[in-house]
């Protein structure tokens, strides 16, 4: 049985355009995979704490010497990692805020990037351990950034996921959403056409 993990990162939760595109994809995908399990994580509804010194020390500490607070930090990270390990397909709703990814998504990434767990260091460099997964990213932007130096999201998300061993990543863009209703409608319509083809 396949498992899909949906991660929405809009500050507007299910009201965000990226969340709505991701939701529509998941509904369409699930119709074609009715026996699949769907897991959902809304980072606006359940934000994660940003990485700090205490959490880093907890991740690095040997299990037998962790104090109760450190054990709680690691348990939360372990739960997130177990979730993404289960997933065959990952769907990310990704709005652009101030030329970057939402800070809540960065916090999520920081909780799942664990040496010896989701990647390891070798003599040939780092090796990702989360292989064999397909990722669909629904990226929404107020302006036009795809293919320009101002699109810092695409390269960063690809590089981060690749670091963990996830290299099959497909982006669907809906851009110009703040550039008039006509452009917005056209961009969302095109994104919906793309997601319908991908879901099939």
Protein backbone atom coordinates (compact mmCIF):
# COMPACT_ATOMS: atom_id res chain seq x y z
CA UNK A 1 0.00 0.00 0.00
CA UNK A 2 1.33 3.41 -0.98
CA UNK A 3 1.58 6.28 1.48
CA UNK A 4 1.36 9.96 0.59
CA UNK A 5 2.57 12.67 2.97
CA UNK A 6 1.19 16.18 2.39
CA UNK A 7 3.01 19.13 3.95
CA UNK A 8 1.31 22.53 3.75
CA UNK A 9 3.41 25.52 4.75
CA UNK A 10 1.15 28.50 4.05
CA UNK A 11 0.63 30.84 6.99
CA UNK A 12 -3.02 30.85 5.92
CA UNK A 13 -3.31 27.09 6.46
CA UNK A 14 -5.91 25.56 4.13
CA UNK A 15 -6.82 29.05 2.88
CA UNK A 16 -3.47 29.55 1.14
CA UNK A 17 -3.26 29.15 -2.63
CA UNK A 18 -0.38 26.66 -2.33
CA UNK A 19 -2.40 24.60 0.18
CA UNK A 20 -5.42 24.60 -2.11
CA UNK A 21 -3.38 23.37 -5.08
CA UNK A 22 -1.77 20.69 -2.92
CA UNK A 23 -5.19 19.68 -1.58
CA UNK A 24 -6.62 19.40 -5.08
CA UNK A 25 -3.71 17.25 -6.20
CA UNK A 26 -4.04 14.94 -3.21
CA UNK A 27 -7.78 14.48 -3.77
CA UNK A 28 -7.21 13.66 -7.45
CA UNK A 29 -4.26 11.39 -6.67
CA UNK A 30 -6.21 9.53 -3.99
CA UNK A 31 -9.03 8.81 -6.45
CA UNK A 32 -6.47 6.99 -8.59
CA UNK A 33 -4.94 5.26 -5.54
CA UNK A 34 -7.97 4.53 -3.34
CA UNK A 35 -6.11 2.03 -1.17
CA UNK A 36 -3.31 4.46 -0.36
CA UNK A 37 -2.76 6.02 3.05
CA UNK A 38 -2.71 9.83 3.16
CA UNK A 39 -0.90 11.66 5.96
CA UNK A 40 -1.25 15.41 6.32
CA UNK A 41 0.86 17.96 8.17
CA UNK A 42 -0.19 21.61 8.32
CA UNK A 43 2.71 23.70 9.59
CA UNK A 44 0.43 26.66 10.32
CA UNK A 45 -1.85 24.57 12.51
CA UNK A 46 1.02 22.67 14.13
CA UNK A 47 4.16 24.84 13.86
CA UNK A 48 7.45 23.36 14.94
CA UNK A 49 9.96 25.20 17.13
CA UNK A 50 12.92 26.60 15.28
CA UNK A 51 16.26 24.95 15.73
CA UNK A 52 18.19 26.14 18.77
CA UNK A 53 21.28 25.08 20.72
CA UNK A 54 19.32 22.85 23.08
CA UNK A 55 17.80 20.85 20.24
CA UNK A 56 21.09 20.51 18.38
CA UNK A 57 22.77 19.23 21.55
CA UNK A 58 19.91 16.76 22.04
CA UNK A 59 20.30 15.42 18.50
CA UNK A 60 24.04 14.98 18.95
CA UNK A 61 23.91 13.45 22.45
CA UNK A 62 24.17 9.69 22.83
CA UNK A 63 20.78 8.16 23.69
CA UNK A 64 21.93 6.84 27.04
CA UNK A 65 23.00 10.28 28.31
CA UNK A 66 20.04 12.36 27.13
CA UNK A 67 18.06 14.06 29.86
CA UNK A 68 14.20 14.04 29.76
CA UNK A 69 14.03 17.37 27.91
CA UNK A 70 16.49 16.14 25.29
CA UNK A 71 14.57 12.89 24.94
CA UNK A 72 11.41 14.86 24.23
CA UNK A 73 13.17 16.93 21.55
CA UNK A 74 14.49 13.80 19.85
CA UNK A 75 11.16 11.97 20.13
CA UNK A 76 9.43 14.77 18.20
CA UNK A 77 12.10 14.69 15.50
CA UNK A 78 11.93 10.89 15.35
CA UNK A 79 8.14 11.03 14.84
CA UNK A 80 8.54 13.44 11.90
CA UNK A 81 11.25 11.27 10.39
CA UNK A 82 9.19 8.09 10.78
CA UNK A 83 6.35 9.88 8.96
CA UNK A 84 8.47 10.87 5.98
CA UNK A 85 10.17 7.47 5.89
CA UNK A 86 6.74 5.88 5.43
CA UNK A 87 5.91 8.10 2.48
CA UNK A 88 6.29 6.95 -1.10
CA UNK A 89 4.93 10.27 -2.36
CA UNK A 90 5.45 13.69 -0.73
CA UNK A 91 3.38 16.75 -1.62
CA UNK A 92 4.53 20.20 -0.49
CA UNK A 93 2.43 23.35 -0.63
CA UNK A 94 5.05 26.09 -0.96
CA UNK A 95 4.24 29.81 -0.95
CA UNK A 96 7.03 32.35 -1.40
CA UNK A 97 7.55 34.80 1.46
CA UNK A 98 10.13 37.56 1.01
CA UNK A 99 12.01 35.59 -1.66
CA UNK A 100 12.34 32.44 0.47
CA UNK A 101 10.53 29.46 1.90
CA UNK A 102 8.24 29.87 4.93
CA UNK A 103 10.17 29.76 8.20
CA UNK A 104 7.87 26.98 9.38
CA UNK A 105 9.02 24.77 6.50
CA UNK A 106 12.65 25.58 7.31
CA UNK A 107 11.97 24.48 10.90
CA UNK A 108 10.45 21.25 9.59
CA UNK A 109 13.50 20.63 7.40
CA UNK A 110 15.79 21.24 10.37
CA UNK A 111 13.92 18.63 12.42
CA UNK A 112 14.25 15.91 9.77
CA UNK A 113 17.89 16.52 8.78
CA UNK A 114 19.65 14.22 11.25
CA UNK A 115 23.12 12.80 10.72
CA UNK A 116 23.06 9.02 10.92
CA UNK A 117 19.27 8.97 10.56
CA UNK A 118 18.26 10.68 7.31
CA UNK A 119 21.76 11.18 5.93
CA UNK A 120 25.27 10.05 6.75
CA UNK A 121 28.77 11.24 6.10
CA UNK A 122 31.06 8.98 4.08
CA UNK A 123 34.56 9.19 2.65
CA UNK A 124 32.96 10.40 -0.58
CA UNK A 125 30.81 13.03 1.15
CA UNK A 126 27.26 13.04 2.52
CA UNK A 127 24.85 10.31 1.48
CA UNK A 128 21.08 10.68 1.75
CA UNK A 129 19.15 7.83 3.32
CA UNK A 130 15.58 8.73 2.25
CA UNK A 131 15.67 7.27 -1.24
CA UNK A 132 12.96 6.01 -3.59
CA UNK A 133 10.44 8.82 -3.03
CA UNK A 134 8.58 11.12 -5.43
CA UNK A 135 7.97 14.76 -4.48
CA UNK A 136 5.48 17.21 -5.97
CA UNK A 137 5.93 20.86 -4.98
CA UNK A 138 3.12 23.36 -5.58
CA UNK A 139 4.86 26.73 -5.55
CA UNK A 140 2.77 29.90 -5.50
CA UNK A 141 4.20 33.39 -5.91
CA UNK A 142 2.79 36.89 -6.09
CA UNK A 143 5.28 37.86 -8.80
CA UNK A 144 7.20 36.14 -11.59
CA UNK A 145 10.33 34.37 -10.34
CA UNK A 146 10.68 30.91 -11.89
CA UNK A 147 13.85 30.64 -13.92
CA UNK A 148 15.30 33.90 -12.55
CA UNK A 149 18.02 34.53 -9.93
CA UNK A 150 15.30 35.64 -7.51
CA UNK A 151 13.85 32.14 -7.36
CA UNK A 152 15.82 30.98 -4.34
CA UNK A 153 13.19 28.39 -3.42
CA UNK A 154 13.54 25.90 -6.24
CA UNK A 155 17.28 25.35 -5.91
CA UNK A 156 17.16 25.29 -2.12
CA UNK A 157 14.32 22.76 -1.91
CA UNK A 158 15.94 20.54 -4.56
CA UNK A 159 19.31 20.73 -2.83
CA UNK A 160 17.90 20.01 0.62
CA UNK A 161 15.80 17.06 -0.49
CA UNK A 162 18.67 15.75 -2.58
CA UNK A 163 20.90 15.91 0.49
CA UNK A 164 18.47 13.48 2.14
CA UNK A 165 18.47 11.21 -0.92
CA UNK A 166 15.23 12.47 -2.50
CA UNK A 167 16.05 13.41 -6.06
CA UNK A 168 12.77 12.88 -7.97
CA UNK A 169 11.24 16.33 -7.38
CA UNK A 170 8.69 18.00 -9.65
CA UNK A 171 7.59 21.63 -9.32
CA UNK A 172 4.26 23.11 -10.40
CA UNK A 173 4.29 26.93 -10.36
CA UNK A 174 1.42 29.37 -10.05
CA UNK A 175 2.97 32.82 -10.42
CA UNK A 176 1.84 36.40 -10.79
CA UNK A 177 -0.97 35.92 -8.29
CA UNK A 178 -0.70 39.54 -7.15
CA UNK A 179 -0.53 40.95 -10.67
CA UNK A 180 -4.22 41.31 -11.43
CA UNK A 181 -7.20 38.96 -11.39
CA UNK A 182 -6.81 37.89 -15.02
CA UNK A 183 -3.19 36.79 -14.54
CA UNK A 184 -4.07 35.12 -11.24
CA UNK A 185 -6.95 33.16 -12.76
CA UNK A 186 -4.83 32.08 -15.72
CA UNK A 187 -1.94 30.95 -13.50
CA UNK A 188 -4.19 28.91 -11.21
CA UNK A 189 -6.01 27.37 -14.16
CA UNK A 190 -2.72 26.29 -15.71
CA UNK A 191 -1.49 24.87 -12.40
CA UNK A 192 -4.74 22.93 -12.03
CA UNK A 193 -4.30 21.44 -15.50
CA UNK A 194 -0.77 20.36 -14.64
CA UNK A 195 -1.74 18.83 -11.32
CA UNK A 196 -4.59 16.90 -12.91
CA UNK A 197 -2.16 15.33 -15.41
CA UNK A 198 0.34 14.52 -12.67
CA UNK A 199 -2.32 12.97 -10.44
CA UNK A 200 -3.41 10.71 -13.26
